[in-house]
Amino acid sequence: MPVRQSQSVLQLSADVLERIWQHARNADPYEACGIVTSSERHVPIRNASPRALVAYQFGAAEQLEAWQDMRDNGETLMVIYHSHTNRDSMPSTTDHALAAYPDAHYLIVSTRTGTAQSFVLVNGQLTEEPLEVLP
C-alpha cells in the first residue's frame, strides 16, 4: 500500500458538499454513504450494512456500478464519504478498518453535530486533513 507522505487538502465545491449533507439528512437515522469522483460527480451508494444505524458498507452491486461508471467516464475516485448519526465526525474503529484506498479522501459528516471532517490514509491510519469548501 503506498504511503502518503505529505498532508493534503480536500477541496470540494459547496454544491457537492450540500448534496452529501442532503443525502445524510435524508438517510438519518441510518448512515449514508457514497463517493465523489474526480470530476466532482456525487454518487450516493446504498448502505448495505446490517448495522446501518452505526456503520456503513457499500452495496456490492451499487459499488460495482459506480466503479464501472468511473472507468467508462475516465474518472478516478476522489472522495469516499459517509455520515455519523449518533456521534461526531471523527472516524470510528470500524472506519479505520474499512479505509482501503490510499489515494482517496475520506469525508465524514455528522448529522448529530453538524460537522464535516476530511481524512487521508497515512501509514495505514486515517489522519485529519483540511477541508476547503469552494464556491
N, C-alpha and C. Protein backbone atom coordinates (compact mmCIF):
# COMPACT_ATOMS: atom_id res chain seq x y z
N MET A 1 0.84 -1.17 0.00
CA MET A 1 0.00 0.00 0.00
C MET A 1 0.89 1.23 0.00
N PRO A 2 0.69 2.15 -0.95
CA PRO A 2 1.50 3.36 -0.96
C PRO A 2 1.28 4.18 0.31
N VAL A 3 2.30 4.87 0.72
CA VAL A 3 2.22 5.69 1.92
C VAL A 3 2.16 7.15 1.50
N ARG A 4 1.19 7.87 2.01
CA ARG A 4 1.05 9.30 1.73
C ARG A 4 2.02 10.03 2.65
N GLN A 5 2.93 10.79 2.08
CA GLN A 5 3.98 11.44 2.85
C GLN A 5 3.59 12.81 3.38
N SER A 6 2.87 13.59 2.58
CA SER A 6 2.59 14.95 3.00
C SER A 6 1.10 15.16 3.20
N GLN A 7 0.79 16.15 4.00
CA GLN A 7 -0.60 16.47 4.24
C GLN A 7 -1.20 17.10 2.99
N SER A 8 -2.42 16.75 2.70
CA SER A 8 -3.12 17.30 1.56
C SER A 8 -4.32 18.10 2.05
N VAL A 9 -5.05 18.66 1.12
CA VAL A 9 -6.26 19.42 1.42
C VAL A 9 -7.36 18.88 0.51
N LEU A 10 -8.52 18.62 1.06
CA LEU A 10 -9.66 18.26 0.23
C LEU A 10 -10.37 19.54 -0.16
N GLN A 11 -10.40 19.82 -1.46
CA GLN A 11 -11.14 20.96 -1.99
C GLN A 11 -12.41 20.41 -2.63
N LEU A 12 -13.54 20.89 -2.14
CA LEU A 12 -14.82 20.37 -2.58
C LEU A 12 -15.77 21.55 -2.80
N SER A 13 -16.53 21.51 -3.88
CA SER A 13 -17.46 22.61 -4.14
C SER A 13 -18.59 22.59 -3.11
N ALA A 14 -19.10 23.77 -2.82
CA ALA A 14 -20.21 23.90 -1.87
C ALA A 14 -21.41 23.09 -2.35
N ASP A 15 -21.63 23.04 -3.66
CA ASP A 15 -22.76 22.31 -4.22
C ASP A 15 -22.65 20.81 -3.92
N VAL A 16 -21.47 20.24 -4.14
CA VAL A 16 -21.30 18.80 -3.88
C VAL A 16 -21.41 18.52 -2.38
N LEU A 17 -20.82 19.38 -1.57
CA LEU A 17 -20.92 19.17 -0.12
C LEU A 17 -22.38 19.25 0.32
N GLU A 18 -23.16 20.15 -0.24
CA GLU A 18 -24.59 20.23 0.11
C GLU A 18 -25.33 18.97 -0.30
N ARG A 19 -24.97 18.38 -1.45
CA ARG A 19 -25.60 17.11 -1.87
C ARG A 19 -25.28 15.99 -0.88
N ILE A 20 -24.06 15.98 -0.38
CA ILE A 20 -23.68 14.97 0.63
C ILE A 20 -24.49 15.18 1.90
N TRP A 21 -24.59 16.45 2.35
CA TRP A 21 -25.39 16.74 3.54
C TRP A 21 -26.85 16.34 3.33
N GLN A 22 -27.40 16.63 2.17
CA GLN A 22 -28.79 16.27 1.87
C GLN A 22 -28.97 14.76 1.95
N HIS A 23 -28.04 14.03 1.36
CA HIS A 23 -28.10 12.56 1.41
C HIS A 23 -28.06 12.09 2.86
N ALA A 24 -27.18 12.67 3.66
CA ALA A 24 -27.05 12.27 5.06
C ALA A 24 -28.33 12.58 5.84
N ARG A 25 -28.90 13.75 5.63
CA ARG A 25 -30.13 14.12 6.34
C ARG A 25 -31.30 13.22 5.92
N ASN A 26 -31.38 12.88 4.64
CA ASN A 26 -32.46 12.02 4.15
C ASN A 26 -32.33 10.59 4.67
N ALA A 27 -31.12 10.13 4.89
CA ALA A 27 -30.89 8.76 5.35
C ALA A 27 -31.07 8.61 6.87
N ASP A 28 -30.88 9.70 7.60
CA ASP A 28 -30.96 9.68 9.07
C ASP A 28 -32.25 9.01 9.52
N PRO A 29 -32.23 8.02 10.41
CA PRO A 29 -31.21 7.74 11.40
C PRO A 29 -30.14 6.75 10.94
N TYR A 30 -30.20 6.32 9.68
CA TYR A 30 -29.19 5.40 9.15
C TYR A 30 -28.02 6.19 8.59
N GLU A 31 -26.85 5.57 8.55
CA GLU A 31 -25.69 6.22 7.95
C GLU A 31 -25.82 6.21 6.44
N ALA A 32 -25.51 7.32 5.83
CA ALA A 32 -25.48 7.45 4.37
C ALA A 32 -24.04 7.21 3.91
N CYS A 33 -23.88 6.79 2.66
CA CYS A 33 -22.52 6.62 2.14
C CYS A 33 -22.53 6.79 0.63
N GLY A 34 -21.36 7.08 0.10
CA GLY A 34 -21.22 7.27 -1.33
C GLY A 34 -19.83 7.74 -1.69
N ILE A 35 -19.70 8.21 -2.92
CA ILE A 35 -18.40 8.67 -3.40
C ILE A 35 -18.56 9.98 -4.16
N VAL A 36 -17.44 10.63 -4.37
CA VAL A 36 -17.35 11.77 -5.27
C VAL A 36 -16.19 11.45 -6.21
N THR A 37 -16.44 11.61 -7.50
CA THR A 37 -15.42 11.29 -8.49
C THR A 37 -14.51 12.49 -8.75
N SER A 38 -13.47 12.26 -9.52
CA SER A 38 -12.50 13.32 -9.83
C SER A 38 -13.13 14.48 -10.59
N SER A 39 -14.27 14.25 -11.24
CA SER A 39 -14.96 15.35 -11.92
C SER A 39 -16.05 15.95 -11.01
N GLU A 40 -15.98 15.64 -9.73
CA GLU A 40 -16.91 16.09 -8.70
C GLU A 40 -18.34 15.61 -8.95
N ARG A 41 -18.45 14.42 -9.49
CA ARG A 41 -19.77 13.80 -9.65
C ARG A 41 -20.09 13.09 -8.34
N HIS A 42 -21.23 13.46 -7.75
CA HIS A 42 -21.69 12.87 -6.48
C HIS A 42 -22.46 11.60 -6.78
N VAL A 43 -22.04 10.49 -6.15
CA VAL A 43 -22.68 9.20 -6.39
C VAL A 43 -23.08 8.58 -5.05
N PRO A 44 -24.34 8.73 -4.64
CA PRO A 44 -24.80 8.04 -3.44
C PRO A 44 -24.79 6.54 -3.67
N ILE A 45 -24.43 5.78 -2.66
CA ILE A 45 -24.41 4.32 -2.76
C ILE A 45 -25.21 3.77 -1.58
N ARG A 46 -26.02 2.77 -1.83
CA ARG A 46 -26.86 2.17 -0.80
C ARG A 46 -26.00 1.62 0.34
N ASN A 47 -26.38 1.93 1.56
CA ASN A 47 -25.71 1.38 2.73
C ASN A 47 -26.27 -0.02 2.98
N ALA A 48 -25.45 -1.03 2.75
CA ALA A 48 -25.88 -2.41 2.88
C ALA A 48 -25.46 -3.03 4.21
N SER A 49 -24.96 -2.22 5.12
CA SER A 49 -24.53 -2.75 6.41
C SER A 49 -25.72 -3.26 7.22
N PRO A 50 -25.60 -4.44 7.82
CA PRO A 50 -26.66 -4.90 8.71
C PRO A 50 -26.73 -4.04 9.98
N ARG A 51 -25.73 -3.21 10.19
CA ARG A 51 -25.67 -2.30 11.34
C ARG A 51 -25.74 -0.85 10.87
N ALA A 52 -26.62 -0.58 9.91
CA ALA A 52 -26.67 0.72 9.24
C ALA A 52 -26.96 1.90 10.17
N LEU A 53 -27.43 1.63 11.39
CA LEU A 53 -27.63 2.71 12.35
C LEU A 53 -26.29 3.25 12.85
N VAL A 54 -25.25 2.41 12.80
CA VAL A 54 -23.95 2.81 13.37
C VAL A 54 -22.76 2.49 12.46
N ALA A 55 -23.01 2.01 11.26
CA ALA A 55 -21.91 1.63 10.37
C ALA A 55 -22.37 1.73 8.92
N TYR A 56 -21.40 1.70 8.01
CA TYR A 56 -21.76 1.72 6.60
C TYR A 56 -20.97 0.65 5.87
N GLN A 57 -21.56 0.19 4.78
CA GLN A 57 -20.92 -0.77 3.88
C GLN A 57 -21.57 -0.55 2.53
N PHE A 58 -20.77 -0.31 1.51
CA PHE A 58 -21.32 -0.10 0.17
C PHE A 58 -22.06 -1.36 -0.27
N GLY A 59 -23.24 -1.17 -0.87
CA GLY A 59 -23.92 -2.27 -1.52
C GLY A 59 -23.06 -2.74 -2.68
N ALA A 60 -22.84 -4.03 -2.77
CA ALA A 60 -21.90 -4.57 -3.77
C ALA A 60 -22.27 -4.20 -5.20
N ALA A 61 -23.53 -4.34 -5.56
CA ALA A 61 -23.95 -4.05 -6.93
C ALA A 61 -23.79 -2.56 -7.24
N GLU A 62 -24.15 -1.71 -6.28
CA GLU A 62 -24.03 -0.27 -6.49
C GLU A 62 -22.57 0.16 -6.57
N GLN A 63 -21.71 -0.47 -5.75
CA GLN A 63 -20.29 -0.13 -5.80
C GLN A 63 -19.70 -0.54 -7.14
N LEU A 64 -20.02 -1.72 -7.60
CA LEU A 64 -19.51 -2.19 -8.89
C LEU A 64 -19.96 -1.25 -10.01
N GLU A 65 -21.23 -0.85 -9.97
CA GLU A 65 -21.74 0.06 -10.99
C GLU A 65 -21.02 1.42 -10.94
N ALA A 66 -20.79 1.93 -9.73
CA ALA A 66 -20.10 3.22 -9.59
C ALA A 66 -18.67 3.14 -10.13
N TRP A 67 -17.96 2.05 -9.83
CA TRP A 67 -16.58 1.90 -10.30
C TRP A 67 -16.56 1.74 -11.82
N GLN A 68 -17.52 1.01 -12.38
CA GLN A 68 -17.59 0.87 -13.83
C GLN A 68 -17.90 2.21 -14.50
N ASP A 69 -18.83 2.98 -13.91
CA ASP A 69 -19.14 4.30 -14.45
C ASP A 69 -17.91 5.21 -14.42
N MET A 70 -17.16 5.16 -13.32
CA MET A 70 -15.93 5.98 -13.24
C MET A 70 -14.98 5.60 -14.37
N ARG A 71 -14.77 4.31 -14.54
CA ARG A 71 -13.87 3.84 -15.60
C ARG A 71 -14.36 4.29 -16.97
N ASP A 72 -15.66 4.10 -17.23
CA ASP A 72 -16.23 4.47 -18.52
C ASP A 72 -16.15 5.96 -18.80
N ASN A 73 -16.20 6.79 -17.74
CA ASN A 73 -16.16 8.24 -17.89
C ASN A 73 -14.76 8.82 -17.73
N GLY A 74 -13.75 7.97 -17.59
CA GLY A 74 -12.38 8.45 -17.44
C GLY A 74 -12.16 9.17 -16.12
N GLU A 75 -12.91 8.82 -15.09
CA GLU A 75 -12.80 9.45 -13.79
C GLU A 75 -12.03 8.55 -12.82
N THR A 76 -11.61 9.16 -11.74
CA THR A 76 -11.00 8.40 -10.66
C THR A 76 -11.75 8.71 -9.37
N LEU A 77 -11.51 7.90 -8.38
CA LEU A 77 -12.12 8.08 -7.07
C LEU A 77 -11.45 9.24 -6.35
N MET A 78 -12.24 10.22 -5.91
CA MET A 78 -11.69 11.34 -5.16
C MET A 78 -12.06 11.26 -3.68
N VAL A 79 -13.34 11.00 -3.38
CA VAL A 79 -13.83 11.03 -2.00
C VAL A 79 -14.70 9.80 -1.74
N ILE A 80 -14.49 9.19 -0.59
CA ILE A 80 -15.42 8.21 -0.04
C ILE A 80 -16.03 8.91 1.17
N TYR A 81 -17.36 9.00 1.21
CA TYR A 81 -17.98 9.70 2.33
C TYR A 81 -19.00 8.81 3.02
N HIS A 82 -19.24 9.15 4.25
CA HIS A 82 -20.36 8.56 4.98
C HIS A 82 -20.76 9.50 6.11
N SER A 83 -21.90 9.22 6.70
CA SER A 83 -22.38 10.06 7.78
C SER A 83 -22.34 9.30 9.10
N HIS A 84 -22.25 10.08 10.15
CA HIS A 84 -22.46 9.57 11.50
C HIS A 84 -23.73 10.22 12.02
N THR A 85 -24.61 9.44 12.60
CA THR A 85 -25.87 9.99 13.09
C THR A 85 -25.93 10.07 14.61
N ASN A 86 -25.04 9.34 15.26
CA ASN A 86 -25.10 9.29 16.72
C ASN A 86 -23.79 9.73 17.39
N ARG A 87 -22.91 10.33 16.62
CA ARG A 87 -21.63 10.76 17.18
C ARG A 87 -21.04 11.87 16.31
N ASP A 88 -19.85 12.33 16.68
CA ASP A 88 -19.20 13.40 15.92
C ASP A 88 -18.63 12.87 14.61
N SER A 89 -17.90 13.71 13.91
CA SER A 89 -17.40 13.35 12.58
C SER A 89 -15.97 12.79 12.59
N MET A 90 -15.54 12.29 13.73
CA MET A 90 -14.23 11.63 13.82
C MET A 90 -14.40 10.15 13.43
N PRO A 91 -13.39 9.55 12.80
CA PRO A 91 -13.50 8.16 12.36
C PRO A 91 -13.59 7.19 13.55
N SER A 92 -14.43 6.21 13.40
CA SER A 92 -14.55 5.14 14.39
C SER A 92 -13.50 4.07 14.10
N THR A 93 -13.41 3.11 14.98
CA THR A 93 -12.51 1.97 14.77
C THR A 93 -12.89 1.24 13.48
N THR A 94 -14.18 1.11 13.23
CA THR A 94 -14.66 0.46 12.00
C THR A 94 -14.26 1.28 10.78
N ASP A 95 -14.37 2.60 10.87
CA ASP A 95 -13.98 3.47 9.74
C ASP A 95 -12.51 3.26 9.40
N HIS A 96 -11.66 3.17 10.42
CA HIS A 96 -10.23 2.92 10.18
C HIS A 96 -10.05 1.58 9.47
N ALA A 97 -10.78 0.57 9.91
CA ALA A 97 -10.64 -0.77 9.33
C ALA A 97 -11.10 -0.81 7.88
N LEU A 98 -12.11 -0.03 7.53
CA LEU A 98 -12.65 -0.04 6.17
C LEU A 98 -11.83 0.79 5.18
N ALA A 99 -11.00 1.68 5.67
CA ALA A 99 -10.24 2.57 4.79
C ALA A 99 -9.18 1.78 4.03
N ALA A 100 -9.40 1.64 2.73
CA ALA A 100 -8.51 0.80 1.92
C ALA A 100 -8.01 1.46 0.65
N TYR A 101 -8.39 2.71 0.42
CA TYR A 101 -7.98 3.41 -0.80
C TYR A 101 -7.03 4.54 -0.44
N PRO A 102 -5.73 4.33 -0.58
CA PRO A 102 -4.76 5.32 -0.11
C PRO A 102 -4.79 6.65 -0.86
N ASP A 103 -5.35 6.69 -2.06
CA ASP A 103 -5.40 7.94 -2.81
C ASP A 103 -6.71 8.71 -2.61
N ALA A 104 -7.63 8.14 -1.85
CA ALA A 104 -8.93 8.78 -1.64
C ALA A 104 -8.91 9.66 -0.41
N HIS A 105 -9.80 10.63 -0.42
CA HIS A 105 -10.10 11.43 0.77
C HIS A 105 -11.31 10.75 1.42
N TYR A 106 -11.33 10.70 2.73
CA TYR A 106 -12.44 10.12 3.47
C TYR A 106 -13.15 11.24 4.20
N LEU A 107 -14.39 11.52 3.79
CA LEU A 107 -15.16 12.60 4.37
C LEU A 107 -16.24 12.01 5.27
N ILE A 108 -16.31 12.52 6.49
CA ILE A 108 -17.34 12.10 7.44
C ILE A 108 -18.14 13.33 7.83
N VAL A 109 -19.47 13.25 7.66
CA VAL A 109 -20.35 14.31 8.11
C VAL A 109 -21.19 13.77 9.25
N SER A 110 -21.39 14.59 10.25
CA SER A 110 -22.19 14.19 11.41
C SER A 110 -23.49 14.96 11.43
N THR A 111 -24.60 14.24 11.28
CA THR A 111 -25.90 14.90 11.38
C THR A 111 -26.21 15.24 12.84
N ARG A 112 -25.51 14.63 13.75
CA ARG A 112 -25.72 14.93 15.18
C ARG A 112 -25.10 16.27 15.56
N THR A 113 -23.86 16.51 15.09
CA THR A 113 -23.14 17.72 15.50
C THR A 113 -23.09 18.78 14.40
N GLY A 114 -23.47 18.43 13.17
CA GLY A 114 -23.42 19.38 12.07
C GLY A 114 -22.00 19.66 11.58
N THR A 115 -21.09 18.75 11.84
CA THR A 115 -19.69 18.94 11.44
C THR A 115 -19.33 18.02 10.28
N ALA A 116 -18.31 18.44 9.53
CA ALA A 116 -17.76 17.64 8.44
C ALA A 116 -16.24 17.68 8.56
N GLN A 117 -15.61 16.53 8.46
CA GLN A 117 -14.15 16.45 8.53
C GLN A 117 -13.64 15.51 7.46
N SER A 118 -12.45 15.83 6.94
CA SER A 118 -11.84 15.02 5.91
C SER A 118 -10.57 14.37 6.45
N PHE A 119 -10.31 13.15 5.95
CA PHE A 119 -9.18 12.37 6.40
C PHE A 119 -8.51 11.71 5.21
N VAL A 120 -7.23 11.39 5.36
CA VAL A 120 -6.49 10.62 4.37
C VAL A 120 -5.78 9.49 5.10
N LEU A 121 -5.43 8.46 4.33
CA LEU A 121 -4.67 7.35 4.91
C LEU A 121 -3.20 7.73 4.97
N VAL A 122 -2.64 7.73 6.16
CA VAL A 122 -1.21 7.97 6.35
C VAL A 122 -0.69 6.82 7.20
N ASN A 123 0.21 6.03 6.63
CA ASN A 123 0.76 4.87 7.33
C ASN A 123 -0.34 3.96 7.86
N GLY A 124 -1.38 3.77 7.07
CA GLY A 124 -2.46 2.86 7.45
C GLY A 124 -3.48 3.42 8.41
N GLN A 125 -3.37 4.69 8.78
CA GLN A 125 -4.32 5.30 9.72
C GLN A 125 -4.98 6.51 9.07
N LEU A 126 -6.25 6.73 9.38
CA LEU A 126 -6.93 7.92 8.91
C LEU A 126 -6.45 9.12 9.71
N THR A 127 -5.93 10.10 8.99
CA THR A 127 -5.35 11.31 9.58
C THR A 127 -6.11 12.51 9.05
N GLU A 128 -6.51 13.41 9.95
CA GLU A 128 -7.31 14.56 9.51
C GLU A 128 -6.51 15.46 8.58
N GLU A 129 -7.22 16.02 7.62
CA GLU A 129 -6.66 16.99 6.68
C GLU A 129 -7.63 18.15 6.59
N PRO A 130 -7.16 19.31 6.13
CA PRO A 130 -8.07 20.43 5.96
C PRO A 130 -9.12 20.17 4.89
N LEU A 131 -10.32 20.70 5.12
CA LEU A 131 -11.41 20.66 4.15
C LEU A 131 -11.68 22.09 3.71
N GLU A 132 -11.50 22.34 2.42
CA GLU A 132 -11.72 23.67 1.87
C GLU A 132 -12.96 23.63 0.97
N VAL A 133 -13.98 24.40 1.32
CA VAL A 133 -15.22 24.43 0.55
C VAL A 133 -15.12 25.59 -0.44
N LEU A 134 -15.26 25.25 -1.72
CA LEU A 134 -15.14 26.24 -2.79
C LEU A 134 -16.52 26.68 -3.25
N PRO A 135 -16.64 27.92 -3.70
CA PRO A 135 -17.95 28.41 -4.18
C PRO A 135 -18.42 27.65 -5.41
